Protein backbone atom coordinates (compact mmCIF):
# COMPACT_ATOMS: atom_id res chain seq x y z
CA MET A 1 159.89 -14.75 -0.24
CA ASN A 2 157.29 -13.90 -2.81
CA GLY A 3 158.07 -14.75 -6.43
CA GLY A 4 161.29 -16.68 -5.92
CA VAL A 5 164.80 -15.60 -5.06
CA HIS A 6 165.12 -13.35 -8.10
CA PHE A 7 161.97 -11.34 -7.32
CA PHE A 8 162.19 -10.13 -3.72
CA MET A 9 159.30 -7.86 -2.86
CA GLY A 10 159.23 -5.50 0.08
CA TYR A 11 162.99 -5.46 0.57
CA ARG A 12 163.41 -1.75 1.31
CA PRO A 13 163.71 -0.53 4.90
CA GLY A 14 160.23 0.47 6.01
CA ASP A 15 158.51 -2.25 3.93
CA ALA A 16 156.62 -4.76 6.09
CA PRO A 17 158.64 -7.87 5.07
CA TYR A 18 162.00 -6.12 5.50
CA ARG A 19 162.34 -7.12 9.16
CA VAL A 20 161.73 -10.76 8.21
CA TYR A 21 164.40 -10.55 5.50
CA ARG A 22 166.82 -9.05 8.01
CA GLU A 23 166.20 -11.96 10.39
CA LEU A 24 166.65 -14.50 7.59
CA ALA A 25 169.88 -12.80 6.47
CA PRO A 26 169.20 -11.85 2.83
CA ALA A 27 168.91 -8.18 3.83
CA GLN A 28 172.14 -8.29 5.82
CA ALA A 29 174.29 -7.63 2.77
CA ASN A 30 171.78 -5.03 1.50
CA ARG A 31 172.67 -5.93 -2.09
CA PHE A 32 169.25 -5.73 -3.67
CA ILE A 33 169.18 -4.30 -7.16
CA ASP A 34 166.03 -2.58 -8.39
CA MET A 35 164.83 -4.04 -11.66
CA GLY A 36 164.28 -1.20 -14.12
CA ILE A 37 163.12 -3.49 -16.92
CA TYR A 38 161.04 -6.53 -16.07
CA ALA A 39 160.86 -7.79 -19.65
CA ARG A 40 161.78 -6.66 -23.15
CA TYR A 41 160.17 -8.34 -26.13
CA LEU A 42 161.46 -8.10 -29.69
CA ASP A 43 159.60 -9.19 -32.81
CA ASP A 44 162.38 -10.42 -35.10
CA ALA A 45 160.11 -10.42 -38.14
CA THR A 46 159.06 -6.76 -37.89
CA GLY A 47 161.66 -5.23 -35.57
CA ARG A 48 159.03 -3.89 -33.19
CA SER A 49 159.73 -4.14 -29.51
CA LEU A 50 157.89 -3.73 -26.24
CA SER A 51 159.38 -3.18 -22.79
CA LEU A 52 157.66 -3.80 -19.48
CA THR A 53 159.10 -1.44 -16.88
CA ARG A 54 157.85 0.27 -13.74
CA ASN A 55 156.28 2.90 -15.98
CA LEU A 56 153.04 1.10 -16.72
CA GLY A 57 151.58 4.16 -18.43
CA ARG A 58 154.36 4.00 -21.02
CA PHE A 59 153.69 0.30 -21.48
CA ALA A 60 149.99 1.00 -22.18
CA ARG A 61 150.92 3.77 -24.66
CA ASP A 62 153.42 1.47 -26.41
CA VAL A 63 150.79 -1.27 -26.74
CA ARG A 64 148.33 1.30 -28.14
CA ALA A 65 150.93 2.34 -30.74
CA ILE A 66 151.61 -1.29 -31.73
CA ALA A 67 148.01 -2.55 -31.76
CA PRO A 68 145.29 0.05 -31.12
CA ALA A 69 142.56 -2.59 -31.17
CA ASP A 70 144.20 -4.41 -28.25
CA ALA A 71 144.85 -1.31 -26.16
CA PRO A 72 141.68 -1.64 -24.00
CA ALA A 73 142.63 -5.13 -22.78
CA PHE A 74 146.14 -4.01 -21.82
CA GLU A 75 144.93 -0.73 -20.33
CA ALA A 76 142.57 -2.73 -18.09
CA LEU A 77 145.49 -4.94 -17.07
CA VAL A 78 147.62 -1.87 -16.30
CA GLY A 79 144.74 -0.41 -14.28
CA ALA A 80 144.54 -3.60 -12.23
CA ALA A 81 148.29 -3.57 -11.64
CA GLN A 82 148.16 0.07 -10.56
CA ALA A 83 145.40 -0.75 -8.06
CA PHE A 84 147.93 -2.96 -6.26
CA ARG A 85 150.71 -0.37 -6.36
CA ASN A 86 150.34 0.80 -2.76
CA ALA A 87 148.68 -2.32 -1.41
CA ASN A 88 150.49 -4.00 1.44
CA LEU A 89 149.72 -7.62 0.66
CA MET A 90 152.72 -8.76 2.62
CA ASP A 91 151.57 -7.21 5.86
CA MET A 92 152.97 -9.31 8.67
CA ALA A 93 149.69 -9.55 10.58
CA ASP A 94 148.88 -12.48 12.81
CA PRO A 95 148.29 -15.82 11.08
CA GLN A 96 144.64 -16.43 10.16
CA GLU A 97 144.23 -19.12 12.80
CA LEU A 98 145.27 -16.67 15.54
CA MET A 99 143.09 -13.77 14.36
CA THR A 100 139.81 -12.93 16.02
CA PRO A 101 136.73 -12.58 13.83
CA LEU A 102 136.94 -8.80 14.29
CA ALA A 103 140.60 -8.75 13.20
CA LYS A 104 139.72 -10.79 10.10
CA ALA A 105 136.89 -8.39 9.28
CA LYS A 106 139.25 -5.40 9.65
CA GLN A 107 141.78 -7.05 7.35
CA MET A 108 139.11 -7.70 4.70
CA TRP A 109 137.82 -4.14 5.04
CA GLY A 110 141.36 -2.87 4.43
CA MET A 111 141.52 -4.89 1.21
CA ARG A 112 138.03 -3.98 -0.03
CA ARG A 113 139.23 -1.98 -3.04
CA LEU A 114 141.27 -4.97 -4.25
CA LEU A 115 138.76 -7.79 -3.79
CA ARG A 116 137.33 -7.45 -7.31
CA TYR A 117 140.74 -8.47 -8.69
CA PHE A 118 140.62 -11.90 -7.02
CA GLY A 119 137.91 -13.31 -9.28
CA GLY A 120 135.96 -12.80 -12.48
CA LYS A 121 138.05 -12.00 -15.53
CA TRP A 122 141.05 -11.42 -13.26
CA GLY A 123 140.91 -14.99 -11.97
CA GLN A 124 141.75 -16.56 -15.32
CA THR A 125 145.10 -17.73 -16.60
CA ALA A 126 147.24 -15.45 -18.73
CA ALA A 127 146.46 -17.72 -21.70
CA ASP A 128 142.71 -17.30 -21.21
CA TYR A 129 143.02 -13.54 -20.81
CA ALA A 130 145.18 -13.41 -23.96
CA LYS A 131 142.43 -14.98 -26.07
CA ALA A 132 140.85 -11.53 -26.36
CA VAL A 133 144.07 -10.06 -27.82
CA ALA A 134 143.82 -9.76 -31.62
CA ASP A 135 147.48 -9.14 -32.50
CA PRO A 136 149.19 -12.58 -32.66
CA TRP A 137 152.57 -11.27 -31.47
CA LEU A 138 151.07 -9.46 -28.48
CA ARG A 139 148.86 -12.45 -27.69
CA GLN A 140 151.90 -14.75 -27.57
CA ARG A 141 153.84 -12.27 -25.40
CA HIS A 142 150.95 -12.09 -22.98
CA ARG A 143 150.43 -15.87 -22.88
CA GLY A 144 154.03 -16.40 -21.82
CA ALA A 145 154.48 -13.30 -19.68
CA VAL A 146 154.68 -15.22 -16.39
CA PRO A 147 155.29 -18.89 -17.15
CA THR A 148 155.74 -20.24 -13.65
CA PRO A 149 154.07 -23.21 -11.97
CA MET A 150 152.16 -20.78 -9.74
CA CYS A 151 150.97 -18.63 -12.68
CA PRO A 152 150.48 -20.96 -15.63
CA SER A 153 150.74 -19.27 -19.00
CA GLY A 154 148.89 -21.99 -20.82
CA SER A 155 151.76 -22.23 -23.29
CA SER A 156 152.39 -25.61 -24.75
């Protein structure tokens, strides 16, 4: 269950993890609700707001309207997110210890277009990535975008 009980991924029939969910029972009731809005941020001081939805292009345009100087950093982030859009990271392949070297090589080859996102500037915390954001309000929103133990925001 990736992301915790409130963020099921791959729950639709036809998605690779769906059969696992069906066996574990959460899919039995088929009561999954698609999240239309992941987050909505409001700046009380200025009244400006920013919503993070499935429409990442709109998010990038909204950031550009709020802080043009910061648009490239957020557009790069949106580009990285879009690269994962059709990736099947939850493929229920054999466990690594049961895979042959050839099977491992095939799996890596299938992920080749995504490998650049597992290191470099993409391997830093949200807080470190946010250091390049000039607008203080946007920087704070980005620092705390995913404050979980698995994805530290660096907030203190």
